[in-house]
Amino acid sequence: MMDLQGLPDKLKIIKKVIRKEYLADHSIPWIIGYSGGKDSTLLLHLVVESLLSLPPEMRSRKVFIISNDTLVESPVYVGHVYKSLGNIKEGVKALDLPIEVVVSQPDIDNTFWVNLLGRGSGKSCRAFSPPSISRLAI
């Protein structure tokens, strides 16, 4: 079992680092990838807590929460992510935080299924030629 004794102190240090970087002397926006899993959820939570610890006038730097809907995941997972993103949108708006939620999707010609099944060429064996396989990255 993991020793959690020093966790509160570590989280304070992490939030201090987040605040320091957020207040750095430039306006480059932050982009946080969000999958709905424990890692991206924790990172987002720490960023929100860090921003809330700043006075509103110091919260000028934009933060984008980016989630990619690849059109491949199970409906249960997709439902969870979209529900979470909806809650995040509502929450950051209510808290007046400079955070925007963005969902991206591939163009239909670049989806996994179009690349896997082909484009109606009629020669299914060509669908798995090396050039097509290289486009299957999700």
Protein backbone atom coordinates (compact mmCIF):
# COMPACT_ATOMS: atom_id res chain seq x y z
CA MET A 1 0.00 0.00 0.00
CA MET A 2 1.19 3.50 -0.84
CA ASP A 3 2.31 5.76 2.01
CA LEU A 4 0.10 8.87 1.91
CA GLN A 5 1.62 10.59 4.92
CA GLY A 6 3.46 13.29 2.95
CA LEU A 7 0.77 13.77 0.30
CA PRO A 8 -0.75 17.03 1.66
CA ASP A 9 2.68 18.70 1.68
CA LYS A 10 3.43 17.45 -1.83
CA LEU A 11 0.10 18.79 -3.11
CA LYS A 12 0.84 22.21 -1.57
CA ILE A 13 4.19 22.28 -3.38
CA ILE A 14 2.56 21.25 -6.67
CA LYS A 15 -0.10 23.96 -6.40
CA LYS A 16 2.59 26.53 -5.58
CA VAL A 17 4.47 25.53 -8.75
CA ILE A 18 1.26 25.74 -10.80
CA ARG A 19 0.52 29.24 -9.45
CA LYS A 20 4.08 30.39 -10.11
CA GLU A 21 3.97 29.19 -13.72
CA TYR A 22 0.50 30.65 -14.26
CA LEU A 23 1.74 34.06 -13.08
CA ALA A 24 4.88 33.95 -15.26
CA ASP A 25 5.53 37.09 -17.29
CA HIS A 26 3.95 35.99 -20.59
CA SER A 27 0.48 35.31 -21.89
CA ILE A 28 0.95 31.92 -23.54
CA PRO A 29 -2.24 29.96 -22.85
CA TRP A 30 -2.23 26.60 -21.17
CA ILE A 31 -3.58 23.54 -22.91
CA ILE A 32 -4.57 20.61 -20.70
CA GLY A 33 -5.45 17.31 -22.32
CA TYR A 34 -8.49 15.76 -20.68
CA SER A 35 -9.50 12.12 -21.07
CA GLY A 36 -11.78 11.74 -18.07
CA GLY A 37 -9.27 9.44 -16.38
CA LYS A 38 -7.68 9.86 -12.98
CA ASP A 39 -4.51 11.61 -14.17
CA SER A 40 -6.10 14.33 -16.29
CA THR A 41 -8.87 14.79 -13.73
CA LEU A 42 -6.34 15.31 -10.93
CA LEU A 43 -4.31 17.75 -13.01
CA LEU A 44 -7.42 19.75 -13.86
CA HIS A 45 -8.50 19.74 -10.21
CA LEU A 46 -5.09 21.06 -9.10
CA VAL A 47 -5.16 23.80 -11.76
CA VAL A 48 -8.67 24.89 -10.72
CA GLU A 49 -7.70 24.96 -7.04
CA SER A 50 -4.55 26.93 -7.88
CA LEU A 51 -6.48 29.49 -9.93
CA LEU A 52 -9.08 29.86 -7.19
CA SER A 53 -6.30 30.71 -4.75
CA LEU A 54 -5.49 33.79 -6.87
CA PRO A 55 -7.45 37.03 -6.72
CA PRO A 56 -9.79 37.36 -9.74
CA GLU A 57 -7.76 40.21 -11.25
CA MET A 58 -4.73 37.90 -11.48
CA ARG A 59 -6.61 35.19 -13.41
CA SER A 60 -5.98 36.62 -16.85
CA ARG A 61 -4.19 33.78 -18.61
CA LYS A 62 -6.43 31.52 -20.71
CA VAL A 63 -6.55 27.78 -19.99
CA PHE A 64 -7.97 25.36 -22.55
CA ILE A 65 -9.22 21.91 -21.60
CA ILE A 66 -8.93 19.80 -24.74
CA SER A 67 -10.66 16.45 -25.17
CA ASN A 68 -10.43 14.40 -28.35
CA ASP A 69 -13.43 12.32 -29.36
CA THR A 70 -11.85 9.79 -31.73
CA LEU A 71 -15.26 8.25 -32.56
CA VAL A 72 -13.86 4.84 -31.56
CA GLU A 73 -14.47 4.61 -27.81
CA SER A 74 -17.40 2.81 -26.22
CA PRO A 75 -20.64 4.74 -25.71
CA VAL A 76 -20.32 4.36 -21.92
CA TYR A 77 -16.89 5.99 -21.92
CA VAL A 78 -17.95 8.74 -24.34
CA GLY A 79 -21.02 9.45 -22.19
CA HIS A 80 -18.83 9.74 -19.10
CA VAL A 81 -16.41 12.15 -20.79
CA TYR A 82 -19.14 14.37 -22.25
CA LYS A 83 -20.99 14.47 -18.91
CA SER A 84 -17.74 15.37 -17.12
CA LEU A 85 -16.96 18.08 -19.67
CA GLY A 86 -20.46 19.52 -19.24
CA ASN A 87 -19.97 19.65 -15.48
CA ILE A 88 -16.56 21.27 -15.94
CA LYS A 89 -18.02 23.94 -18.27
CA GLU A 90 -20.74 24.76 -15.75
CA GLY A 91 -18.31 24.80 -12.83
CA VAL A 92 -15.65 27.04 -14.36
CA LYS A 93 -18.34 29.44 -15.58
CA ALA A 94 -19.88 29.64 -12.10
CA LEU A 95 -16.42 30.19 -10.61
CA ASP A 96 -15.58 32.83 -13.24
CA LEU A 97 -12.35 31.10 -14.23
CA PRO A 98 -10.62 31.75 -17.58
CA ILE A 99 -11.02 28.13 -18.64
CA GLU A 100 -12.55 27.00 -21.92
CA VAL A 101 -13.52 23.41 -22.76
CA VAL A 102 -12.87 22.29 -26.34
CA VAL A 103 -13.76 18.92 -27.90
CA SER A 104 -12.11 17.89 -31.14
CA GLN A 105 -13.12 15.15 -33.56
CA PRO A 106 -11.37 13.92 -36.69
CA ASP A 107 -12.78 14.76 -40.10
CA ILE A 108 -14.80 11.83 -41.42
CA ASP A 109 -12.06 10.98 -43.95
CA ASN A 110 -9.56 10.64 -41.13
CA THR A 111 -11.57 8.45 -38.76
CA PHE A 112 -10.33 5.09 -37.62
CA TRP A 113 -13.23 3.26 -39.28
CA VAL A 114 -12.80 4.90 -42.68
CA ASN A 115 -9.08 4.10 -42.61
CA LEU A 116 -9.67 0.54 -41.42
CA LEU A 117 -12.50 -0.39 -43.77
CA GLY A 118 -11.32 1.63 -46.71
CA ARG A 119 -13.08 4.04 -48.94
CA GLY A 120 -15.16 1.66 -51.04
CA SER A 121 -12.39 0.65 -53.41
CA GLY A 122 -13.68 -2.93 -53.52
CA LYS A 123 -10.26 -4.46 -52.87
CA SER A 124 -10.31 -5.29 -49.17
CA CYS A 125 -6.78 -6.68 -49.16
CA ARG A 126 -5.47 -3.21 -50.08
CA ALA A 127 -7.12 -1.77 -46.97
CA PHE A 128 -4.33 -3.27 -44.91
CA SER A 129 -1.38 -2.22 -47.06
CA PRO A 130 1.42 -0.46 -45.14
CA PRO A 131 0.40 3.09 -46.20
CA SER A 132 -3.14 2.54 -44.88
CA ILE A 133 -1.93 0.95 -41.66
CA SER A 134 0.22 3.97 -40.87
CA ARG A 135 -2.92 6.16 -40.90
CA LEU A 136 -4.65 4.08 -38.20
CA ALA A 137 -3.00 5.92 -35.32
CA ILE A 138 -5.63 7.09 -32.87
